Amino acid sequence: MGTATRKTGRTSRPVRRDRYIKEYEHDTYKTRSKLPEPALCRECGAVLHKGRWQWLKKPKGAHETLCPACHRSHDRYPGGYLTLSGPFQKKHRDEILHLAKNTEGREKKDHPLRRIMSLDEQGDDILITTTTMGMARAIGDAVHHAYKGTLCYRYTDEANILRVKWER
């Protein structure tokens, strides 16, 4: 790690010769190149318009493809995991799941790629898998706001996955 001195106007300051190089971010579901627009998801009907997936009328002559959310669903590879646990969750299971589905509906209206993939019971816990990290976080925040308890986020940089745990 060498340093040198650069003269800039009145003062000289050391110049760093080493630098932080960010590792390659690997996301299988992020398209490598621009899709031809308009593009239409053949599964859900979302339309890629002006670089963004939106809920629009089906355009004529649209290129058919799979949107990233449908692609993740087919591969069963979630972007977010939300675990709901504790005795309160068992007592109020239906209310909490209703809140989760309402949150999905609200998020999905403006962001077609944010969806719940599955709701699975694992013993006394409920595991909700989502297509994006943002969806898992939004549901976790909504449950925490409504019912308090403890909420914990764990991001994994290598795989672009968020694990959220709520307990009460």
N, C-alpha and C. Protein backbone atom coordinates (compact mmCIF):
# COMPACT_ATOMS: atom_id res chain seq x y z
N MET A 1 0.83 -1.17 0.00
CA MET A 1 0.00 0.00 0.00
C MET A 1 0.88 1.23 0.00
N GLY A 2 1.14 1.72 -1.13
CA GLY A 2 2.00 2.87 -1.20
C GLY A 2 1.20 4.16 -1.17
N THR A 3 1.82 5.18 -0.68
CA THR A 3 1.21 6.51 -0.74
C THR A 3 2.19 7.43 -1.41
N ALA A 4 1.68 8.42 -2.03
CA ALA A 4 2.50 9.43 -2.68
C ALA A 4 1.97 10.78 -2.25
N THR A 5 2.67 11.81 -2.59
CA THR A 5 2.20 13.14 -2.24
C THR A 5 1.83 13.87 -3.51
N ARG A 6 0.67 14.46 -3.50
CA ARG A 6 0.19 15.21 -4.66
C ARG A 6 0.14 16.68 -4.26
N LYS A 7 0.71 17.50 -5.08
CA LYS A 7 0.68 18.94 -4.81
C LYS A 7 -0.60 19.51 -5.42
N THR A 8 -1.43 20.08 -4.57
CA THR A 8 -2.67 20.68 -5.05
C THR A 8 -2.75 22.09 -4.49
N GLY A 9 -2.45 23.05 -5.29
CA GLY A 9 -2.55 24.44 -4.85
C GLY A 9 -1.56 24.75 -3.75
N ARG A 10 -2.07 25.09 -2.57
CA ARG A 10 -1.23 25.53 -1.47
C ARG A 10 -0.66 24.38 -0.65
N THR A 11 -1.36 23.28 -0.57
CA THR A 11 -0.92 22.20 0.32
C THR A 11 -0.68 20.93 -0.46
N SER A 12 0.05 20.04 0.16
CA SER A 12 0.21 18.72 -0.44
C SER A 12 -0.38 17.71 0.52
N ARG A 13 -1.03 16.73 -0.01
CA ARG A 13 -1.65 15.70 0.82
C ARG A 13 -1.31 14.33 0.25
N PRO A 14 -1.31 13.31 1.10
CA PRO A 14 -0.98 11.97 0.60
C PRO A 14 -2.08 11.46 -0.33
N VAL A 15 -1.68 10.73 -1.34
CA VAL A 15 -2.61 10.12 -2.28
C VAL A 15 -2.57 8.63 -2.07
N ARG A 16 -3.72 8.02 -1.88
CA ARG A 16 -3.77 6.58 -1.66
C ARG A 16 -3.65 5.84 -2.98
N ARG A 17 -2.82 4.85 -3.00
CA ARG A 17 -2.65 4.03 -4.20
C ARG A 17 -3.47 2.74 -4.11
N ASP A 18 -3.94 2.40 -2.91
CA ASP A 18 -4.80 1.23 -2.78
C ASP A 18 -6.24 1.72 -2.78
N ARG A 19 -7.15 0.86 -3.13
CA ARG A 19 -8.56 1.24 -3.15
C ARG A 19 -9.41 0.02 -2.88
N TYR A 20 -10.58 0.29 -2.39
CA TYR A 20 -11.53 -0.78 -2.11
C TYR A 20 -12.21 -1.17 -3.41
N ILE A 21 -12.12 -2.43 -3.75
CA ILE A 21 -12.76 -2.92 -4.96
C ILE A 21 -13.95 -3.76 -4.54
N LYS A 22 -15.12 -3.31 -4.94
CA LYS A 22 -16.35 -4.02 -4.58
C LYS A 22 -16.42 -5.32 -5.36
N GLU A 23 -16.79 -6.37 -4.64
CA GLU A 23 -16.91 -7.67 -5.28
C GLU A 23 -18.07 -7.66 -6.26
N TYR A 24 -18.00 -8.56 -7.21
CA TYR A 24 -19.06 -8.72 -8.19
C TYR A 24 -20.35 -9.15 -7.48
N GLU A 25 -21.42 -8.43 -7.74
CA GLU A 25 -22.71 -8.75 -7.14
C GLU A 25 -23.45 -9.68 -8.08
N HIS A 26 -23.72 -10.88 -7.60
CA HIS A 26 -24.37 -11.88 -8.44
C HIS A 26 -25.84 -11.98 -8.08
N ASP A 27 -26.69 -11.63 -9.01
CA ASP A 27 -28.13 -11.80 -8.83
C ASP A 27 -28.66 -12.44 -10.10
N THR A 28 -29.00 -13.70 -9.99
CA THR A 28 -29.45 -14.47 -11.14
C THR A 28 -30.71 -13.88 -11.76
N TYR A 29 -31.52 -13.23 -10.97
CA TYR A 29 -32.82 -12.76 -11.44
C TYR A 29 -32.81 -11.32 -11.93
N LYS A 30 -31.66 -10.70 -11.91
CA LYS A 30 -31.51 -9.36 -12.45
C LYS A 30 -31.10 -9.51 -13.91
N THR A 31 -31.85 -8.93 -14.82
CA THR A 31 -31.54 -9.10 -16.24
C THR A 31 -30.21 -8.44 -16.58
N ARG A 32 -29.44 -9.11 -17.39
CA ARG A 32 -28.10 -8.65 -17.74
C ARG A 32 -28.15 -7.52 -18.77
N SER A 33 -29.14 -7.56 -19.62
CA SER A 33 -29.27 -6.53 -20.64
C SER A 33 -30.71 -6.05 -20.68
N LYS A 34 -30.93 -4.97 -21.35
CA LYS A 34 -32.28 -4.43 -21.44
C LYS A 34 -33.15 -5.34 -22.29
N LEU A 35 -34.36 -5.57 -21.80
CA LEU A 35 -35.32 -6.33 -22.59
C LEU A 35 -35.95 -5.39 -23.61
N PRO A 36 -36.36 -5.93 -24.75
CA PRO A 36 -37.05 -5.07 -25.72
C PRO A 36 -38.38 -4.62 -25.13
N GLU A 37 -38.69 -3.36 -25.28
CA GLU A 37 -39.95 -2.85 -24.72
C GLU A 37 -40.96 -2.64 -25.82
N PRO A 38 -42.21 -2.82 -25.57
CA PRO A 38 -42.76 -3.31 -24.31
C PRO A 38 -42.58 -4.82 -24.20
N ALA A 39 -42.42 -5.30 -22.97
CA ALA A 39 -42.33 -6.73 -22.71
C ALA A 39 -43.49 -7.11 -21.80
N LEU A 40 -43.99 -8.30 -21.97
CA LEU A 40 -45.15 -8.79 -21.23
C LEU A 40 -44.80 -10.10 -20.55
N CYS A 41 -45.09 -10.21 -19.26
CA CYS A 41 -44.88 -11.47 -18.56
C CYS A 41 -46.01 -12.42 -18.95
N ARG A 42 -45.66 -13.56 -19.46
CA ARG A 42 -46.68 -14.51 -19.92
C ARG A 42 -47.41 -15.19 -18.77
N GLU A 43 -46.88 -15.09 -17.56
CA GLU A 43 -47.53 -15.71 -16.39
C GLU A 43 -48.51 -14.76 -15.71
N CYS A 44 -48.02 -13.59 -15.29
CA CYS A 44 -48.84 -12.70 -14.46
C CYS A 44 -49.44 -11.53 -15.23
N GLY A 45 -48.92 -11.24 -16.42
CA GLY A 45 -49.45 -10.14 -17.21
C GLY A 45 -48.84 -8.79 -16.93
N ALA A 46 -47.79 -8.72 -16.11
CA ALA A 46 -47.12 -7.45 -15.85
C ALA A 46 -46.41 -7.00 -17.13
N VAL A 47 -46.33 -5.69 -17.30
CA VAL A 47 -45.74 -5.12 -18.52
C VAL A 47 -44.49 -4.32 -18.15
N LEU A 48 -43.41 -4.56 -18.90
CA LEU A 48 -42.20 -3.77 -18.74
C LEU A 48 -42.34 -2.55 -19.63
N HIS A 49 -42.45 -1.38 -18.99
CA HIS A 49 -42.64 -0.13 -19.72
C HIS A 49 -41.74 0.93 -19.12
N LYS A 50 -40.92 1.56 -19.95
CA LYS A 50 -39.95 2.57 -19.51
C LYS A 50 -39.03 2.03 -18.42
N GLY A 51 -38.59 0.79 -18.61
CA GLY A 51 -37.62 0.18 -17.71
C GLY A 51 -38.16 -0.30 -16.38
N ARG A 52 -39.48 -0.35 -16.22
CA ARG A 52 -40.09 -0.72 -14.95
C ARG A 52 -41.28 -1.65 -15.19
N TRP A 53 -41.39 -2.68 -14.36
CA TRP A 53 -42.53 -3.59 -14.45
C TRP A 53 -43.73 -2.90 -13.84
N GLN A 54 -44.85 -2.89 -14.59
CA GLN A 54 -46.05 -2.20 -14.16
C GLN A 54 -47.29 -3.01 -14.53
N TRP A 55 -48.40 -2.68 -13.88
CA TRP A 55 -49.68 -3.27 -14.25
C TRP A 55 -50.33 -2.35 -15.27
N LEU A 56 -50.24 -2.72 -16.53
CA LEU A 56 -50.83 -1.94 -17.61
C LEU A 56 -51.63 -2.87 -18.51
N LYS A 57 -52.40 -2.26 -19.43
CA LYS A 57 -53.09 -3.07 -20.43
C LYS A 57 -52.06 -3.76 -21.31
N LYS A 58 -52.43 -4.92 -21.81
CA LYS A 58 -51.51 -5.66 -22.68
C LYS A 58 -51.25 -4.87 -23.96
N PRO A 59 -49.99 -4.49 -24.19
CA PRO A 59 -49.67 -3.74 -25.41
C PRO A 59 -49.60 -4.66 -26.62
N LYS A 60 -49.91 -4.11 -27.77
CA LYS A 60 -49.84 -4.89 -29.01
C LYS A 60 -48.38 -5.09 -29.39
N GLY A 61 -48.06 -6.27 -29.86
CA GLY A 61 -46.71 -6.57 -30.32
C GLY A 61 -45.68 -6.66 -29.21
N ALA A 62 -46.12 -6.95 -27.99
CA ALA A 62 -45.20 -7.02 -26.85
C ALA A 62 -44.37 -8.30 -26.92
N HIS A 63 -43.14 -8.17 -26.52
CA HIS A 63 -42.22 -9.30 -26.41
C HIS A 63 -42.61 -10.09 -25.15
N GLU A 64 -42.88 -11.39 -25.28
CA GLU A 64 -43.28 -12.19 -24.12
C GLU A 64 -42.07 -12.78 -23.43
N THR A 65 -42.08 -12.71 -22.11
CA THR A 65 -40.99 -13.20 -21.28
C THR A 65 -41.54 -13.53 -19.90
N LEU A 66 -40.68 -13.90 -18.99
CA LEU A 66 -41.07 -14.08 -17.59
C LEU A 66 -40.50 -12.92 -16.80
N CYS A 67 -41.33 -12.31 -15.96
CA CYS A 67 -40.82 -11.24 -15.09
C CYS A 67 -39.96 -11.90 -14.00
N PRO A 68 -39.08 -11.15 -13.34
CA PRO A 68 -38.23 -11.73 -12.30
C PRO A 68 -39.01 -12.40 -11.16
N ALA A 69 -40.18 -11.88 -10.82
CA ALA A 69 -40.97 -12.49 -9.73
C ALA A 69 -41.49 -13.87 -10.13
N CYS A 70 -42.00 -13.98 -11.35
CA CYS A 70 -42.49 -15.29 -11.82
C CYS A 70 -41.32 -16.26 -12.00
N HIS A 71 -40.19 -15.75 -12.45
CA HIS A 71 -39.00 -16.58 -12.61
C HIS A 71 -38.57 -17.16 -11.26
N ARG A 72 -38.54 -16.31 -10.22
CA ARG A 72 -38.20 -16.78 -8.87
C ARG A 72 -39.21 -17.81 -8.37
N SER A 73 -40.48 -17.55 -8.63
CA SER A 73 -41.53 -18.48 -8.18
C SER A 73 -41.38 -19.85 -8.84
N HIS A 74 -41.11 -19.85 -10.14
CA HIS A 74 -40.91 -21.12 -10.84
C HIS A 74 -39.70 -21.88 -10.31
N ASP A 75 -38.64 -21.15 -9.98
CA ASP A 75 -37.43 -21.79 -9.48
C ASP A 75 -37.50 -22.10 -7.99
N ARG A 76 -38.54 -21.61 -7.33
CA ARG A 76 -38.71 -21.76 -5.88
C ARG A 76 -37.46 -21.23 -5.15
N TYR A 77 -37.07 -20.02 -5.52
CA TYR A 77 -35.90 -19.37 -4.94
C TYR A 77 -36.30 -17.99 -4.41
N PRO A 78 -36.73 -17.93 -3.14
CA PRO A 78 -37.23 -16.67 -2.58
C PRO A 78 -36.14 -15.61 -2.41
N GLY A 79 -36.58 -14.36 -2.40
CA GLY A 79 -35.69 -13.24 -2.11
C GLY A 79 -35.78 -12.84 -0.65
N GLY A 80 -36.85 -13.28 0.02
CA GLY A 80 -37.03 -12.94 1.43
C GLY A 80 -37.76 -14.04 2.17
N TYR A 81 -37.39 -14.20 3.43
CA TYR A 81 -38.03 -15.17 4.31
C TYR A 81 -38.52 -14.42 5.55
N LEU A 82 -39.74 -14.66 5.95
CA LEU A 82 -40.27 -14.06 7.16
C LEU A 82 -40.80 -15.19 8.04
N THR A 83 -40.25 -15.31 9.25
CA THR A 83 -40.69 -16.33 10.19
C THR A 83 -41.48 -15.65 11.30
N LEU A 84 -42.70 -16.11 11.51
CA LEU A 84 -43.57 -15.61 12.56
C LEU A 84 -43.65 -16.67 13.64
N SER A 85 -43.30 -16.32 14.87
CA SER A 85 -43.30 -17.35 15.92
C SER A 85 -43.76 -16.76 17.24
N GLY A 86 -43.98 -17.67 18.18
CA GLY A 86 -44.38 -17.29 19.53
C GLY A 86 -45.83 -17.65 19.81
N PRO A 87 -46.19 -17.67 21.09
CA PRO A 87 -47.56 -18.04 21.47
C PRO A 87 -48.61 -17.04 20.97
N PHE A 88 -48.26 -15.75 20.88
CA PHE A 88 -49.21 -14.76 20.38
C PHE A 88 -49.57 -15.07 18.93
N GLN A 89 -48.58 -15.45 18.15
CA GLN A 89 -48.79 -15.78 16.74
C GLN A 89 -49.76 -16.95 16.60
N LYS A 90 -49.63 -17.94 17.46
CA LYS A 90 -50.52 -19.10 17.39
C LYS A 90 -51.97 -18.69 17.68
N LYS A 91 -52.17 -17.79 18.66
CA LYS A 91 -53.52 -17.36 19.03
C LYS A 91 -54.15 -16.48 17.96
N HIS A 92 -53.34 -15.65 17.30
CA HIS A 92 -53.86 -14.66 16.35
C HIS A 92 -53.40 -14.95 14.92
N ARG A 93 -53.23 -16.21 14.61
CA ARG A 93 -52.71 -16.64 13.32
C ARG A 93 -53.48 -16.05 12.14
N ASP A 94 -54.81 -16.18 12.17
CA ASP A 94 -55.62 -15.73 11.03
C ASP A 94 -55.53 -14.22 10.83
N GLU A 95 -55.54 -13.46 11.92
CA GLU A 95 -55.43 -12.00 11.83
C GLU A 95 -54.08 -11.60 11.22
N ILE A 96 -53.02 -12.25 11.67
CA ILE A 96 -51.67 -11.91 11.19
C ILE A 96 -51.52 -12.27 9.71
N LEU A 97 -52.04 -13.42 9.31
CA LEU A 97 -51.96 -13.81 7.89
C LEU A 97 -52.80 -12.87 7.03
N HIS A 98 -53.95 -12.43 7.55
CA HIS A 98 -54.78 -11.47 6.82
C HIS A 98 -54.01 -10.15 6.62
N LEU A 99 -53.31 -9.71 7.67
CA LEU A 99 -52.49 -8.50 7.57
C LEU A 99 -51.38 -8.68 6.54
N ALA A 100 -50.75 -9.86 6.52
CA ALA A 100 -49.69 -10.14 5.54
C ALA A 100 -50.23 -10.07 4.11
N LYS A 101 -51.40 -10.65 3.89
CA LYS A 101 -51.98 -10.65 2.54
C LYS A 101 -52.41 -9.24 2.13
N ASN A 102 -52.93 -8.46 3.07
CA ASN A 102 -53.29 -7.07 2.76
C ASN A 102 -52.05 -6.25 2.42
N THR A 103 -50.99 -6.48 3.15
CA THR A 103 -49.73 -5.77 2.88
C THR A 103 -49.22 -6.14 1.50
N GLU A 104 -49.31 -7.41 1.15
CA GLU A 104 -48.89 -7.84 -0.20
C GLU A 104 -49.72 -7.13 -1.25
N GLY A 105 -51.04 -7.07 -1.07
CA GLY A 105 -51.90 -6.41 -2.04
C GLY A 105 -51.56 -4.94 -2.23
N ARG A 106 -51.28 -4.27 -1.13
CA ARG A 106 -50.92 -2.85 -1.18
C ARG A 106 -49.58 -2.65 -1.90
N GLU A 107 -48.60 -3.48 -1.57
CA GLU A 107 -47.27 -3.38 -2.18
C GLU A 107 -47.31 -3.76 -3.66
N LYS A 108 -48.04 -4.80 -3.95
CA LYS A 108 -48.08 -5.35 -5.31
C LYS A 108 -48.77 -4.39 -6.29
N LYS A 109 -49.65 -3.54 -5.76
CA LYS A 109 -50.36 -2.60 -6.63
C LYS A 109 -49.38 -1.67 -7.35
N ASP A 110 -48.36 -1.20 -6.65
CA ASP A 110 -47.37 -0.30 -7.25
C ASP A 110 -46.09 -0.99 -7.68
N HIS A 111 -45.82 -2.15 -7.11
CA HIS A 111 -44.58 -2.89 -7.40
C HIS A 111 -44.93 -4.34 -7.75
N PRO A 112 -45.18 -4.63 -9.03
CA PRO A 112 -45.62 -5.97 -9.43
C PRO A 112 -44.66 -7.11 -9.07
N LEU A 113 -43.40 -6.80 -8.81
CA LEU A 113 -42.44 -7.87 -8.51
C LEU A 113 -42.45 -8.26 -7.04
N ARG A 114 -43.15 -7.52 -6.19
CA ARG A 114 -43.21 -7.82 -4.76
C ARG A 114 -44.42 -8.70 -4.49
N ARG A 115 -44.14 -9.96 -4.19
CA ARG A 115 -45.22 -10.94 -3.98
C ARG A 115 -44.88 -11.94 -2.89
N ILE A 116 -45.92 -12.54 -2.34
CA ILE A 116 -45.75 -13.68 -1.44
C ILE A 116 -45.68 -14.92 -2.31
N MET A 117 -44.67 -15.73 -2.09
CA MET A 117 -44.54 -16.98 -2.83
C MET A 117 -45.28 -18.11 -2.14
N SER A 118 -45.08 -18.23 -0.81
CA SER A 118 -45.75 -19.31 -0.09
C SER A 118 -45.91 -18.97 1.38
N LEU A 119 -46.88 -19.62 2.00
CA LEU A 119 -47.13 -19.56 3.44
C LEU A 119 -47.07 -20.99 3.94
N ASP A 120 -46.07 -21.30 4.74
CA ASP A 120 -45.89 -22.68 5.21
C ASP A 120 -45.88 -22.72 6.72
N GLU A 121 -46.56 -23.70 7.29
CA GLU A 121 -46.51 -23.90 8.73
C GLU A 121 -45.38 -24.86 9.03
N GLN A 122 -44.50 -24.45 9.93
CA GLN A 122 -43.37 -25.28 10.33
C GLN A 122 -43.44 -25.45 11.84
N GLY A 123 -44.12 -26.50 12.26
CA GLY A 123 -44.35 -26.71 13.69
C GLY A 123 -45.31 -25.63 14.17
N ASP A 124 -44.88 -24.85 15.16
CA ASP A 124 -45.71 -23.76 15.67
C ASP A 124 -45.45 -22.45 14.94
N ASP A 125 -44.46 -22.41 14.08
CA ASP A 125 -44.10 -21.19 13.36
C ASP A 125 -44.76 -21.15 11.98
N ILE A 126 -44.80 -19.95 11.43
CA ILE A 126 -45.26 -19.76 10.05
C ILE A 126 -44.10 -19.15 9.28
N LEU A 127 -43.79 -19.73 8.12
CA LEU A 127 -42.74 -19.21 7.25
C LEU A 127 -43.40 -18.63 6.01
N ILE A 128 -43.17 -17.35 5.77
CA ILE A 128 -43.67 -16.68 4.57
C ILE A 128 -42.47 -16.42 3.68
N THR A 129 -42.51 -16.93 2.45
CA THR A 129 -41.43 -16.65 1.50
C THR A 129 -41.94 -15.63 0.49
N THR A 130 -41.05 -14.70 0.12
CA THR A 130 -41.43 -13.63 -0.79
C THR A 130 -40.46 -13.54 -1.96
N THR A 131 -40.89 -12.86 -3.01
CA THR A 131 -40.06 -12.75 -4.20
C THR A 131 -38.95 -11.71 -4.05
N THR A 132 -39.13 -10.75 -3.14
CA THR A 132 -38.12 -9.71 -2.95
C THR A 132 -37.84 -9.51 -1.47
N MET A 133 -36.68 -8.93 -1.20
CA MET A 133 -36.34 -8.58 0.18
C MET A 133 -37.30 -7.52 0.70
N GLY A 134 -37.68 -6.59 -0.15
CA GLY A 134 -38.56 -5.50 0.25
C GLY A 134 -39.92 -5.97 0.71
N MET A 135 -40.42 -7.03 0.09
CA MET A 135 -41.73 -7.56 0.49
C MET A 135 -41.65 -8.20 1.87
N ALA A 136 -40.61 -8.96 2.14
CA ALA A 136 -40.44 -9.59 3.46
C ALA A 136 -40.31 -8.51 4.53
N ARG A 137 -39.58 -7.47 4.22
CA ARG A 137 -39.41 -6.38 5.18
C ARG A 137 -40.73 -5.64 5.40
N ALA A 138 -41.48 -5.38 4.35
CA ALA A 138 -42.75 -4.66 4.47
C ALA A 138 -43.75 -5.43 5.34
N ILE A 139 -43.83 -6.74 5.14
CA ILE A 139 -44.76 -7.54 5.95
C ILE A 139 -44.27 -7.59 7.40
N GLY A 140 -42.98 -7.79 7.59
CA GLY A 140 -42.42 -7.79 8.94
C GLY A 140 -42.69 -6.48 9.67
N ASP A 141 -42.49 -5.36 8.96
CA ASP A 141 -42.75 -4.05 9.55
C ASP A 141 -44.23 -3.87 9.90
N ALA A 142 -45.11 -4.33 9.02
CA ALA A 142 -46.55 -4.20 9.26
C ALA A 142 -46.98 -5.02 10.47
N VAL A 143 -46.49 -6.24 10.59
CA VAL A 143 -46.83 -7.09 11.73
C VAL A 143 -46.28 -6.48 13.02
N HIS A 144 -45.06 -6.00 12.97
CA HIS A 144 -44.44 -5.37 14.14
C HIS A 144 -45.19 -4.11 14.55
N HIS A 145 -45.60 -3.30 13.58
CA HIS A 145 -46.33 -2.08 13.87
C HIS A 145 -47.69 -2.39 14.51
N ALA A 146 -48.35 -3.43 14.02
CA ALA A 146 -49.69 -3.77 14.52
C ALA A 146 -49.65 -4.50 15.86
N TYR A 147 -48.68 -5.39 16.04
CA TYR A 147 -48.70 -6.28 17.22
C TYR A 147 -47.48 -6.17 18.12
N LYS A 148 -46.57 -5.24 17.82
CA LYS A 148 -45.32 -5.08 18.58
C LYS A 148 -44.51 -6.37 18.55
N GLY A 149 -43.90 -6.76 19.64
CA GLY A 149 -43.04 -7.94 19.66
C GLY A 149 -41.62 -7.58 19.27
N THR A 150 -40.82 -8.58 18.95
CA THR A 150 -39.44 -8.34 18.52
C THR A 150 -39.30 -8.69 17.05
N LEU A 151 -38.58 -7.83 16.35
CA LEU A 151 -38.37 -7.99 14.91
C LEU A 151 -36.89 -7.94 14.64
N CYS A 152 -36.39 -8.91 13.90
CA CYS A 152 -34.96 -9.01 13.63
C CYS A 152 -34.75 -9.23 12.14
N TYR A 153 -33.82 -8.45 11.54
CA TYR A 153 -33.48 -8.58 10.12
C TYR A 153 -32.08 -9.17 10.01
N ARG A 154 -31.91 -10.05 9.04
CA ARG A 154 -30.58 -10.59 8.75
C ARG A 154 -30.40 -10.63 7.23
N TYR A 155 -29.54 -9.75 6.74
CA TYR A 155 -29.25 -9.68 5.31
C TYR A 155 -28.07 -10.59 4.98
N THR A 156 -28.15 -11.24 3.84
CA THR A 156 -27.00 -12.00 3.35
C THR A 156 -26.59 -11.36 2.03
N ASP A 157 -25.43 -10.73 2.03
CA ASP A 157 -24.96 -10.02 0.85
C ASP A 157 -24.66 -10.94 -0.32
N GLU A 158 -24.15 -12.12 -0.02
CA GLU A 158 -23.72 -13.01 -1.09
C GLU A 158 -24.89 -13.46 -1.97
N ALA A 159 -26.04 -13.70 -1.38
CA ALA A 159 -27.15 -14.27 -2.13
C ALA A 159 -28.32 -13.31 -2.32
N ASN A 160 -28.20 -12.05 -1.88
CA ASN A 160 -29.30 -11.09 -1.97
C ASN A 160 -30.58 -11.62 -1.35
N ILE A 161 -30.48 -12.07 -0.13
CA ILE A 161 -31.63 -12.63 0.59
C ILE A 161 -31.75 -11.92 1.93
N LEU A 162 -32.99 -11.70 2.35
CA LEU A 162 -33.26 -11.12 3.66
C LEU A 162 -34.06 -12.14 4.47
N ARG A 163 -33.60 -12.36 5.70
CA ARG A 163 -34.34 -13.22 6.63
C ARG A 163 -34.86 -12.33 7.75
N VAL A 164 -36.18 -12.35 7.93
CA VAL A 164 -36.83 -11.55 8.95
C VAL A 164 -37.48 -12.50 9.94
N LYS A 165 -37.32 -12.20 11.23
CA LYS A 165 -37.94 -13.03 12.26
C LYS A 165 -38.73 -12.12 13.18
N TRP A 166 -40.02 -12.43 13.34
CA TRP A 166 -40.88 -11.71 14.26
C TRP A 166 -41.37 -12.68 15.33
N GLU A 167 -41.35 -12.23 16.57
CA GLU A 167 -41.75 -13.12 17.65
C GLU A 167 -42.46 -12.32 18.73
N ARG A 168 -43.49 -12.93 19.28
CA ARG A 168 -44.18 -12.36 20.42
C ARG A 168 -44.88 -13.47 21.16
